[in-house]
Amino acid sequence: MCFVPVKLTCFKNSTTAWVDFSGGQHHTLCLDAEGQVYSLGRAEYGRLGLGQGAEEKSEPAPVTGMEPAKGVSCGASVSYAVTRAGEEEDEWSPVKMTGKQLENREVLLASSGGQHTRRVEAWLLLAELFVLNVAKMFLKFLVDHVK
């Protein structure tokens, strides 16, 4: 086991077009251009998405049983993938997140903390951009009119 940063050689001669990476406390998710999710690192708590009983991986292992993804995200001990098209028990294999709050919305990305998720939907990004634009206009006004 490695407890200091090491240069990974498993990507050196890869012909895979990697488009996204995310690192957790003891694991990493990788996404290729085809939407295939891969994981490597420690397997405890199901964080690799390779099923119960999975062992530590030192090279990217494909996560099966899910639709193609467009983004990946890790928390300390959890992993998420936003596909192109959540109780208190650990999930040992990928679980599609559904619910009323996701109906008729496109999830743009997922982010997580140690043991929770945050999803960003188009409307949230638009609201944040609106607030940023208003703040920029106010700062410009102050610079132009306050001496």
C-alpha atoms as a PDB file:
ATOM      1  CA  MET A   1       0.000   0.000   0.000  1.00  0.00           C
ATOM      2  CA  CYS A   2       1.148   3.548  -0.753  1.00  0.00           C
ATOM      3  CA  PHE A   3       0.885   6.309   1.812  1.00  0.00           C
ATOM      4  CA  VAL A   4       2.875   8.916  -0.116  1.00  0.00           C
ATOM      5  CA  PRO A   5       2.187  10.304  -3.599  1.00  0.00           C
ATOM      6  CA  VAL A   6       3.491   8.078  -6.357  1.00  0.00           C
ATOM      7  CA  LYS A   7       3.565   8.515 -10.110  1.00  0.00           C
ATOM      8  CA  LEU A   8       1.066   6.121 -11.673  1.00  0.00           C
ATOM      9  CA  THR A   9       2.403   4.190 -14.621  1.00  0.00           C
ATOM     10  CA  CYS A  10      -0.959   2.639 -15.520  1.00  0.00           C
ATOM     11  CA  PHE A  11      -1.847   5.694 -17.669  1.00  0.00           C
ATOM     12  CA  LYS A  12       1.553   5.996 -19.390  1.00  0.00           C
ATOM     13  CA  ASN A  13       0.858   3.818 -22.456  1.00  0.00           C
ATOM     14  CA  SER A  14      -2.932   4.057 -22.353  1.00  0.00           C
ATOM     15  CA  THR A  15      -4.757   4.503 -25.638  1.00  0.00           C
ATOM     16  CA  THR A  16      -7.881   5.558 -23.761  1.00  0.00           C
ATOM     17  CA  ALA A  17      -8.957   9.200 -24.142  1.00  0.00           C
ATOM     18  CA  TRP A  18      -9.428  10.273 -20.499  1.00  0.00           C
ATOM     19  CA  VAL A  19     -11.784  13.247 -20.036  1.00  0.00           C
ATOM     20  CA  ASP A  20     -12.372  13.533 -16.273  1.00  0.00           C
ATOM     21  CA  PHE A  21     -10.754  12.533 -12.984  1.00  0.00           C
ATOM     22  CA  SER A  22     -11.754  12.985  -9.358  1.00  0.00           C
ATOM     23  CA  GLY A  23      -9.914  11.969  -6.203  1.00  0.00           C
ATOM     24  CA  GLY A  24     -11.259  10.932  -2.828  1.00  0.00           C
ATOM     25  CA  GLN A  25      -9.368  10.236   0.366  1.00  0.00           C
ATOM     26  CA  HIS A  26      -8.098   6.821  -0.777  1.00  0.00           C
ATOM     27  CA  HIS A  27      -9.520   6.347  -4.280  1.00  0.00           C
ATOM     28  CA  THR A  28      -9.802   7.915  -7.728  1.00  0.00           C
ATOM     29  CA  LEU A  29     -12.485   7.887 -10.416  1.00  0.00           C
ATOM     30  CA  CYS A  30     -11.616   8.210 -14.098  1.00  0.00           C
ATOM     31  CA  LEU A  31     -13.917   8.830 -17.059  1.00  0.00           C
ATOM     32  CA  ASP A  32     -13.123   8.041 -20.676  1.00  0.00           C
ATOM     33  CA  ALA A  33     -14.498   9.741 -23.782  1.00  0.00           C
ATOM     34  CA  GLU A  34     -17.005   6.910 -24.300  1.00  0.00           C
ATOM     35  CA  GLY A  35     -18.603   7.569 -20.899  1.00  0.00           C
ATOM     36  CA  GLN A  36     -17.084   4.515 -19.181  1.00  0.00           C
ATOM     37  CA  VAL A  37     -16.267   5.075 -15.504  1.00  0.00           C
ATOM     38  CA  TYR A  38     -13.169   3.462 -13.984  1.00  0.00           C
ATOM     39  CA  SER A  39     -12.036   3.364 -10.358  1.00  0.00           C
ATOM     40  CA  LEU A  40      -8.852   2.571  -8.486  1.00  0.00           C
ATOM     41  CA  GLY A  41      -7.642   2.726  -4.888  1.00  0.00           C
ATOM     42  CA  ARG A  42      -8.962   1.284  -1.656  1.00  0.00           C
ATOM     43  CA  ALA A  43     -12.223  -0.651  -1.865  1.00  0.00           C
ATOM     44  CA  GLU A  44     -13.702  -0.187   1.633  1.00  0.00           C
ATOM     45  CA  TYR A  45     -17.292   1.087   1.935  1.00  0.00           C
ATOM     46  CA  GLY A  46     -18.005   0.294  -1.710  1.00  0.00           C
ATOM     47  CA  ARG A  47     -16.277   3.499  -2.821  1.00  0.00           C
ATOM     48  CA  LEU A  48     -14.941   1.842  -6.004  1.00  0.00           C
ATOM     49  CA  GLY A  49     -18.395   0.770  -7.219  1.00  0.00           C
ATOM     50  CA  LEU A  50     -17.084  -2.706  -8.013  1.00  0.00           C
ATOM     51  CA  GLY A  51     -19.434  -4.656  -5.748  1.00  0.00           C
ATOM     52  CA  GLN A  52     -19.196  -6.068  -2.246  1.00  0.00           C
ATOM     53  CA  GLY A  53     -16.002  -8.021  -1.693  1.00  0.00           C
ATOM     54  CA  ALA A  54     -14.014  -6.002  -4.254  1.00  0.00           C
ATOM     55  CA  GLU A  55     -10.321  -5.673  -3.500  1.00  0.00           C
ATOM     56  CA  GLU A  56      -8.012  -2.672  -3.718  1.00  0.00           C
ATOM     57  CA  LYS A  57      -7.109  -1.733  -7.305  1.00  0.00           C
ATOM     58  CA  SER A  58      -3.792  -0.227  -8.392  1.00  0.00           C
ATOM     59  CA  GLU A  59      -4.943   0.238 -12.007  1.00  0.00           C
ATOM     60  CA  PRO A  60      -8.237   1.636 -13.339  1.00  0.00           C
ATOM     61  CA  ALA A  61     -10.959  -1.015 -13.233  1.00  0.00           C
ATOM     62  CA  PRO A  62     -14.192  -0.505 -15.234  1.00  0.00           C
ATOM     63  CA  VAL A  63     -17.312   0.152 -13.162  1.00  0.00           C
ATOM     64  CA  THR A  64     -20.103  -1.876 -14.746  1.00  0.00           C
ATOM     65  CA  GLY A  65     -23.878  -1.794 -14.484  1.00  0.00           C
ATOM     66  CA  MET A  66     -24.473   1.854 -15.254  1.00  0.00           C
ATOM     67  CA  GLU A  67     -25.295   4.107 -18.188  1.00  0.00           C
ATOM     68  CA  PRO A  68     -22.510   6.098 -19.887  1.00  0.00           C
ATOM     69  CA  ALA A  69     -21.439   9.055 -17.754  1.00  0.00           C
ATOM     70  CA  LYS A  70     -20.472  12.661 -18.502  1.00  0.00           C
ATOM     71  CA  GLY A  71     -18.788  13.471 -15.206  1.00  0.00           C
ATOM     72  CA  VAL A  72     -17.383  11.897 -12.035  1.00  0.00           C
ATOM     73  CA  SER A  73     -16.897  13.144  -8.494  1.00  0.00           C
ATOM     74  CA  CYS A  74     -15.491  11.730  -5.247  1.00  0.00           C
ATOM     75  CA  GLY A  75     -15.975  12.495  -1.600  1.00  0.00           C
ATOM     76  CA  ALA A  76     -13.655  11.075   1.045  1.00  0.00           C
ATOM     77  CA  SER A  77     -15.308   7.643   0.944  1.00  0.00           C
ATOM     78  CA  VAL A  78     -17.982   7.992  -1.736  1.00  0.00           C
ATOM     79  CA  SER A  79     -18.122   8.121  -5.533  1.00  0.00           C
ATOM     80  CA  TYR A  80     -20.587   9.640  -8.000  1.00  0.00           C
ATOM     81  CA  ALA A  81     -21.073   9.706 -11.733  1.00  0.00           C
ATOM     82  CA  VAL A  82     -23.423  12.001 -13.642  1.00  0.00           C
ATOM     83  CA  THR A  83     -24.923   9.899 -16.423  1.00  0.00           C
ATOM     84  CA  ARG A  84     -25.670  11.252 -19.878  1.00  0.00           C
ATOM     85  CA  ALA A  85     -29.304  10.474 -20.075  1.00  0.00           C
ATOM     86  CA  GLY A  86     -29.484   7.547  -2.479  1.00  0.00           C
ATOM     87  CA  GLU A  87     -30.783   5.333   3.189  1.00  0.00           C
ATOM     88  CA  GLU A  88     -27.977   5.059   5.560  1.00  0.00           C
ATOM     89  CA  GLU A  89     -26.662   1.815   4.042  1.00  0.00           C
ATOM     90  CA  ASP A  90     -23.502   1.735   1.956  1.00  0.00           C
ATOM     91  CA  GLU A  91     -24.009   1.014  -1.732  1.00  0.00           C
ATOM     92  CA  TRP A  92     -21.564  -1.528  -3.084  1.00  0.00           C
ATOM     93  CA  SER A  93     -22.491  -1.042  -6.737  1.00  0.00           C
ATOM     94  CA  PRO A  94     -23.638   2.012  -8.740  1.00  0.00           C
ATOM     95  CA  VAL A  95     -27.134   3.284  -7.908  1.00  0.00           C
ATOM     96  CA  LYS A  96     -28.982   5.682 -10.183  1.00  0.00           C
ATOM     97  CA  MET A  97     -30.250   8.677  -8.213  1.00  0.00           C
ATOM     98  CA  THR A  98     -33.884   9.525  -8.905  1.00  0.00           C
ATOM     99  CA  GLY A  99     -36.577  11.616  -7.261  1.00  0.00           C
ATOM    100  CA  LYS A 100     -39.082  14.415  -7.661  1.00  0.00           C
ATOM    101  CA  GLN A 101     -36.377  17.094  -7.493  1.00  0.00           C
ATOM    102  CA  LEU A 102     -34.608  15.534 -10.477  1.00  0.00           C
ATOM    103  CA  GLU A 103     -37.680  15.248 -12.719  1.00  0.00           C
ATOM    104  CA  ASN A 104     -37.466  17.353 -15.906  1.00  0.00           C
ATOM    105  CA  ARG A 105     -34.026  18.673 -14.954  1.00  0.00           C
ATOM    106  CA  GLU A 106     -30.619  18.047 -16.429  1.00  0.00           C
ATOM    107  CA  VAL A 107     -27.901  17.444 -13.870  1.00  0.00           C
ATOM    108  CA  LEU A 108     -24.723  19.202 -14.985  1.00  0.00           C
ATOM    109  CA  LEU A 109     -22.303  17.863 -12.386  1.00  0.00           C
ATOM    110  CA  ALA A 110     -22.099  16.183  -9.022  1.00  0.00           C
ATOM    111  CA  SER A 111     -19.919  17.091  -6.082  1.00  0.00           C
ATOM    112  CA  SER A 112     -19.586  15.499  -2.696  1.00  0.00           C
ATOM    113  CA  GLY A 113     -18.268  15.834   0.797  1.00  0.00           C
ATOM    114  CA  GLY A 114     -17.220  12.981   3.020  1.00  0.00           C
ATOM    115  CA  GLN A 115     -20.549  11.188   2.910  1.00  0.00           C
ATOM    116  CA  HIS A 116     -22.997  13.389   1.034  1.00  0.00           C
ATOM    117  CA  THR A 117     -23.693  14.713  -2.461  1.00  0.00           C
ATOM    118  CA  ARG A 118     -24.441  18.008  -4.140  1.00  0.00           C
ATOM    119  CA  ARG A 119     -25.887  18.153  -7.600  1.00  0.00           C
ATOM    120  CA  VAL A 120     -25.820  21.262  -9.729  1.00  0.00           C
ATOM    121  CA  GLU A 121     -28.696  21.797 -12.075  1.00  0.00           C
ATOM    122  CA  ALA A 122     -28.958  24.304 -14.888  1.00  0.00           C
ATOM    123  CA  TRP A 123     -31.239  26.658 -12.921  1.00  0.00           C
ATOM    124  CA  LEU A 124     -28.792  26.839 -10.010  1.00  0.00           C
ATOM    125  CA  LEU A 125     -25.923  27.755 -12.300  1.00  0.00           C
ATOM    126  CA  LEU A 126     -28.027  30.437 -13.971  1.00  0.00           C
ATOM    127  CA  ALA A 127     -28.941  31.915 -10.596  1.00  0.00           C
ATOM    128  CA  GLU A 128     -25.277  31.971  -9.544  1.00  0.00           C
ATOM    129  CA  LEU A 129     -24.288  33.647 -12.833  1.00  0.00           C
ATOM    130  CA  PHE A 130     -27.033  36.264 -12.342  1.00  0.00           C
ATOM    131  CA  VAL A 131     -25.745  37.071  -8.853  1.00  0.00           C
ATOM    132  CA  LEU A 132     -22.170  37.324 -10.156  1.00  0.00           C
ATOM    133  CA  ASN A 133     -23.251  39.680 -12.952  1.00  0.00           C
ATOM    134  CA  VAL A 134     -25.161  41.898 -10.522  1.00  0.00           C
ATOM    135  CA  ALA A 135     -22.105  41.998  -8.237  1.00  0.00           C
ATOM    136  CA  LYS A 136     -19.855  42.948 -11.180  1.00  0.00           C
ATOM    137  CA  MET A 137     -22.228  45.760 -12.212  1.00  0.00           C
ATOM    138  CA  PHE A 138     -22.312  47.074  -8.630  1.00  0.00           C
ATOM    139  CA  LEU A 139     -18.506  47.031  -8.376  1.00  0.00           C
ATOM    140  CA  LYS A 140     -18.225  48.842 -11.713  1.00  0.00           C
ATOM    141  CA  PHE A 141     -20.696  51.472 -10.441  1.00  0.00           C
ATOM    142  CA  LEU A 142     -18.624  51.958  -7.282  1.00  0.00           C
ATOM    143  CA  VAL A 143     -15.388  52.309  -9.237  1.00  0.00           C
ATOM    144  CA  ASP A 144     -16.961  54.783 -11.670  1.00  0.00           C
ATOM    145  CA  HIS A 145     -18.851  56.953  -9.141  1.00  0.00           C
ATOM    146  CA  VAL A 146     -17.127  56.747  -5.760  1.00  0.00           C
ATOM    147  CA  LYS A 147     -13.919  58.662  -5.194  1.00  0.00           C
END
